[in-house]
């Protein structure tokens, strides 16, 4: 009975690795990494389009001085990132 649950999880994990392998590169910028994460997340969710009311984003990164930083992405900025990443439609005008 346990194996029934493991097989889909292994399959999903290998799919995510494939999605990441296709677009990941060693010289990836922070902005590109966020966009890649949003693309993979959108493929994993059961929603046709991600929106800032369904998602929160925070980044942990090193500053230019080498210090650890934590930054929360607010709803407006997140909406723009989702559109830029191609996982959401721009708001209707």
N, C-alpha and C. Protein backbone atom coordinates (compact mmCIF):
# COMPACT_ATOMS: atom_id res chain seq x y z
N UNK A 1 0.83 -1.19 0.00
CA UNK A 1 0.00 0.00 0.00
C UNK A 1 0.87 1.26 0.00
N UNK A 2 1.98 1.25 0.68
CA UNK A 2 2.87 2.40 0.74
C UNK A 2 3.40 2.77 -0.64
N UNK A 3 3.69 1.79 -1.47
CA UNK A 3 4.26 2.05 -2.78
C UNK A 3 3.32 2.81 -3.69
N UNK A 4 2.03 2.67 -3.51
CA UNK A 4 1.06 3.41 -4.32
C UNK A 4 1.27 4.92 -4.17
N UNK A 5 1.67 5.36 -2.99
CA UNK A 5 1.85 6.78 -2.74
C UNK A 5 3.23 7.24 -3.15
N UNK A 6 4.20 6.37 -3.14
CA UNK A 6 5.57 6.76 -3.49
C UNK A 6 5.75 6.96 -4.99
N UNK A 7 5.15 6.15 -5.80
CA UNK A 7 5.36 6.22 -7.24
C UNK A 7 4.97 7.59 -7.79
N UNK A 8 3.77 8.13 -7.50
CA UNK A 8 3.45 9.46 -8.02
C UNK A 8 4.41 10.53 -7.51
N UNK A 9 4.82 10.41 -6.26
CA UNK A 9 5.74 11.40 -5.69
C UNK A 9 7.08 11.35 -6.41
N UNK A 10 7.56 10.18 -6.72
CA UNK A 10 8.83 10.04 -7.45
C UNK A 10 8.66 10.61 -8.85
N UNK A 11 7.55 10.33 -9.50
CA UNK A 11 7.29 10.84 -10.84
C UNK A 11 7.25 12.36 -10.83
N UNK A 12 6.53 12.95 -9.89
CA UNK A 12 6.43 14.40 -9.79
C UNK A 12 7.79 15.02 -9.53
N UNK A 13 8.58 14.38 -8.68
CA UNK A 13 9.90 14.91 -8.36
C UNK A 13 10.78 14.91 -9.61
N UNK A 14 10.73 13.85 -10.40
CA UNK A 14 11.56 13.81 -11.59
C UNK A 14 11.09 14.84 -12.62
N UNK A 15 9.79 15.11 -12.68
CA UNK A 15 9.27 16.15 -13.57
C UNK A 15 9.80 17.51 -13.17
N UNK A 16 9.78 17.81 -11.88
CA UNK A 16 10.29 19.10 -11.40
C UNK A 16 11.76 19.24 -11.72
N UNK A 17 12.53 18.17 -11.53
CA UNK A 17 13.95 18.22 -11.85
C UNK A 17 14.15 18.51 -13.33
N UNK A 18 13.34 17.92 -14.18
CA UNK A 18 13.44 18.15 -15.62
C UNK A 18 13.12 19.61 -15.94
N UNK A 19 12.05 20.16 -15.33
CA UNK A 19 11.71 21.56 -15.57
C UNK A 19 12.86 22.46 -15.15
N UNK A 20 13.46 22.17 -13.99
CA UNK A 20 14.57 22.99 -13.51
C UNK A 20 15.79 22.84 -14.41
N UNK A 21 16.10 21.62 -14.84
CA UNK A 21 17.27 21.38 -15.69
C UNK A 21 17.16 22.12 -17.00
N UNK A 22 15.96 22.21 -17.56
CA UNK A 22 15.77 22.85 -18.86
C UNK A 22 16.15 24.33 -18.82
N UNK A 23 15.85 25.02 -17.74
CA UNK A 23 16.04 26.48 -17.68
C UNK A 23 17.14 26.95 -16.74
N UNK A 24 17.69 26.05 -15.93
CA UNK A 24 18.71 26.47 -14.97
C UNK A 24 20.07 26.60 -15.65
N UNK A 25 20.82 27.59 -15.20
CA UNK A 25 22.21 27.74 -15.65
C UNK A 25 23.03 28.22 -14.46
N UNK A 26 24.31 27.91 -14.45
CA UNK A 26 25.16 28.27 -13.32
C UNK A 26 25.24 29.78 -13.08
N UNK A 27 25.15 30.56 -14.13
CA UNK A 27 25.28 32.02 -14.02
C UNK A 27 23.92 32.69 -13.83
N UNK A 28 22.95 31.99 -13.32
CA UNK A 28 21.59 32.52 -13.18
C UNK A 28 21.58 33.72 -12.24
N UNK A 29 20.85 34.76 -12.64
CA UNK A 29 20.72 35.93 -11.78
C UNK A 29 19.62 35.68 -10.75
N UNK A 30 19.57 36.53 -9.76
CA UNK A 30 18.54 36.38 -8.74
C UNK A 30 17.15 36.53 -9.36
N UNK A 31 16.99 37.49 -10.26
CA UNK A 31 15.70 37.71 -10.92
C UNK A 31 15.31 36.49 -11.77
N UNK A 32 16.26 35.93 -12.50
CA UNK A 32 15.99 34.74 -13.31
C UNK A 32 15.63 33.55 -12.43
N UNK A 33 16.29 33.43 -11.28
CA UNK A 33 15.99 32.33 -10.36
C UNK A 33 14.56 32.43 -9.82
N UNK A 34 14.13 33.65 -9.50
CA UNK A 34 12.76 33.86 -9.02
C UNK A 34 11.77 33.50 -10.12
N UNK A 35 12.04 33.94 -11.34
CA UNK A 35 11.15 33.62 -12.46
C UNK A 35 11.08 32.12 -12.70
N UNK A 36 12.22 31.44 -12.62
CA UNK A 36 12.24 29.99 -12.80
C UNK A 36 11.44 29.30 -11.70
N UNK A 37 11.60 29.74 -10.46
CA UNK A 37 10.84 29.16 -9.35
C UNK A 37 9.34 29.35 -9.56
N UNK A 38 8.93 30.52 -10.03
CA UNK A 38 7.51 30.79 -10.28
C UNK A 38 6.98 29.91 -11.40
N UNK A 39 7.77 29.70 -12.45
CA UNK A 39 7.34 28.84 -13.55
C UNK A 39 7.14 27.40 -13.09
N UNK A 40 8.09 26.88 -12.30
CA UNK A 40 7.97 25.51 -11.80
C UNK A 40 6.78 25.40 -10.85
N UNK A 41 6.61 26.38 -9.99
CA UNK A 41 5.49 26.37 -9.06
C UNK A 41 4.16 26.40 -9.81
N UNK A 42 4.09 27.19 -10.87
CA UNK A 42 2.83 27.27 -11.62
C UNK A 42 2.50 25.94 -12.28
N UNK A 43 3.51 25.20 -12.71
CA UNK A 43 3.26 23.88 -13.31
C UNK A 43 2.80 22.87 -12.27
N UNK A 44 3.22 23.05 -11.03
CA UNK A 44 2.88 22.11 -9.96
C UNK A 44 1.49 22.35 -9.39
N UNK A 45 1.01 23.58 -9.47
CA UNK A 45 -0.28 23.92 -8.86
C UNK A 45 -1.43 23.56 -9.79
N UNK A 46 -2.58 23.35 -9.23
CA UNK A 46 -3.77 22.99 -10.01
C UNK A 46 -4.53 24.23 -10.49
N UNK A 47 -3.84 25.32 -10.68
CA UNK A 47 -4.49 26.55 -11.08
C UNK A 47 -3.95 26.98 -12.45
N UNK A 48 -4.82 27.41 -13.35
CA UNK A 48 -4.34 27.81 -14.67
C UNK A 48 -3.49 29.07 -14.65
N UNK A 49 -3.65 29.89 -13.62
CA UNK A 49 -2.90 31.14 -13.52
C UNK A 49 -2.63 31.46 -12.06
N UNK A 50 -1.39 31.81 -11.75
CA UNK A 50 -1.06 32.22 -10.39
C UNK A 50 -1.39 33.68 -10.20
N UNK A 51 -1.83 34.04 -9.01
CA UNK A 51 -2.10 35.44 -8.68
C UNK A 51 -1.51 35.75 -7.32
N UNK A 52 -1.33 37.03 -7.05
CA UNK A 52 -0.72 37.42 -5.78
C UNK A 52 -1.64 37.15 -4.59
N UNK A 53 -2.93 36.91 -4.82
CA UNK A 53 -3.80 36.55 -3.70
C UNK A 53 -3.72 35.07 -3.36
N UNK A 54 -3.08 34.26 -4.22
CA UNK A 54 -2.91 32.83 -3.96
C UNK A 54 -1.48 32.49 -3.53
N UNK A 55 -0.59 33.46 -3.55
CA UNK A 55 0.82 33.19 -3.40
C UNK A 55 1.52 34.30 -2.63
N UNK A 56 2.49 33.93 -1.83
CA UNK A 56 3.36 34.90 -1.17
C UNK A 56 4.79 34.54 -1.56
N UNK A 57 5.64 35.55 -1.65
CA UNK A 57 7.03 35.32 -2.06
C UNK A 57 7.97 36.10 -1.15
N UNK A 58 8.98 35.42 -0.69
CA UNK A 58 10.06 36.08 0.06
C UNK A 58 11.37 35.47 -0.43
N UNK A 59 12.40 36.28 -0.45
CA UNK A 59 13.71 35.83 -0.91
C UNK A 59 14.72 35.91 0.22
N UNK A 60 15.59 34.94 0.27
CA UNK A 60 16.74 34.96 1.16
C UNK A 60 17.96 34.95 0.25
N UNK A 61 18.83 35.92 0.40
CA UNK A 61 19.96 36.05 -0.51
C UNK A 61 21.13 36.75 0.18
N UNK A 62 22.28 36.74 -0.47
CA UNK A 62 23.45 37.45 0.03
C UNK A 62 23.52 38.81 -0.63
N UNK A 63 23.76 39.84 0.17
CA UNK A 63 23.94 41.19 -0.38
C UNK A 63 25.32 41.27 -1.03
N UNK A 64 25.59 42.39 -1.69
CA UNK A 64 26.90 42.60 -2.32
C UNK A 64 28.02 42.55 -1.27
N UNK A 65 27.69 42.89 -0.03
CA UNK A 65 28.68 42.86 1.05
C UNK A 65 28.81 41.46 1.67
N UNK A 66 28.03 40.50 1.16
CA UNK A 66 28.12 39.13 1.66
C UNK A 66 27.28 38.86 2.89
N UNK A 67 26.38 39.77 3.23
CA UNK A 67 25.50 39.57 4.39
C UNK A 67 24.19 38.93 3.95
N UNK A 68 23.64 38.08 4.79
CA UNK A 68 22.35 37.45 4.52
C UNK A 68 21.23 38.47 4.58
N UNK A 69 20.36 38.46 3.59
CA UNK A 69 19.23 39.39 3.52
C UNK A 69 17.94 38.60 3.33
N UNK A 70 16.85 39.17 3.83
CA UNK A 70 15.51 38.60 3.70
C UNK A 70 14.63 39.70 3.15
N UNK A 71 13.91 39.42 2.06
CA UNK A 71 13.08 40.44 1.44
C UNK A 71 11.73 39.85 1.06
N UNK A 72 10.66 40.49 1.53
CA UNK A 72 9.31 40.07 1.20
C UNK A 72 8.87 40.82 -0.05
N UNK A 73 8.26 40.11 -0.96
CA UNK A 73 7.74 40.70 -2.19
C UNK A 73 6.27 41.03 -1.97
N UNK A 74 5.92 42.31 -2.03
CA UNK A 74 4.55 42.72 -1.78
C UNK A 74 3.66 42.44 -2.98
N UNK A 75 2.36 42.45 -2.78
CA UNK A 75 1.37 42.00 -3.77
C UNK A 75 1.53 42.65 -5.14
N UNK A 76 1.71 43.97 -5.20
CA UNK A 76 1.84 44.64 -6.51
C UNK A 76 3.08 44.17 -7.25
N UNK A 77 4.19 44.11 -6.55
CA UNK A 77 5.45 43.66 -7.16
C UNK A 77 5.35 42.20 -7.57
N UNK A 78 4.69 41.39 -6.74
CA UNK A 78 4.52 39.97 -7.07
C UNK A 78 3.65 39.81 -8.31
N UNK A 79 2.59 40.59 -8.42
CA UNK A 79 1.74 40.53 -9.61
C UNK A 79 2.55 40.83 -10.87
N UNK A 80 3.41 41.85 -10.79
CA UNK A 80 4.27 42.18 -11.93
C UNK A 80 5.23 41.06 -12.27
N UNK A 81 5.80 40.43 -11.24
CA UNK A 81 6.72 39.30 -11.45
C UNK A 81 6.00 38.12 -12.10
N UNK A 82 4.79 37.85 -11.66
CA UNK A 82 4.01 36.74 -12.22
C UNK A 82 3.72 36.96 -13.70
N UNK A 83 3.39 38.19 -14.06
CA UNK A 83 3.14 38.52 -15.47
C UNK A 83 4.44 38.41 -16.26
N UNK A 84 5.51 38.97 -15.73
CA UNK A 84 6.82 38.94 -16.40
C UNK A 84 7.31 37.51 -16.61
N UNK A 85 6.99 36.64 -15.66
CA UNK A 85 7.39 35.23 -15.75
C UNK A 85 6.52 34.43 -16.70
N UNK A 86 5.39 35.01 -17.11
CA UNK A 86 4.50 34.34 -18.03
C UNK A 86 3.55 33.35 -17.38
N UNK A 87 3.37 33.44 -16.07
CA UNK A 87 2.49 32.49 -15.37
C UNK A 87 1.18 33.13 -14.96
N UNK A 88 0.98 34.41 -15.32
CA UNK A 88 -0.25 35.12 -15.00
C UNK A 88 -0.51 36.12 -16.11
N UNK A 89 -1.77 36.47 -16.26
CA UNK A 89 -2.17 37.46 -17.26
C UNK A 89 -2.14 38.86 -16.63
N UNK A 90 -1.81 39.88 -17.42
CA UNK A 90 -1.88 41.24 -16.87
C UNK A 90 -3.32 41.58 -16.50
N UNK A 91 -3.51 42.43 -15.50
CA UNK A 91 -4.88 42.79 -15.12
C UNK A 91 -5.59 43.48 -16.27
N UNK A 92 -6.89 43.28 -16.35
CA UNK A 92 -7.69 43.89 -17.41
C UNK A 92 -7.71 45.41 -17.22
N UNK A 93 -7.58 46.13 -18.32
CA UNK A 93 -7.54 47.60 -18.23
C UNK A 93 -8.91 48.21 -18.12
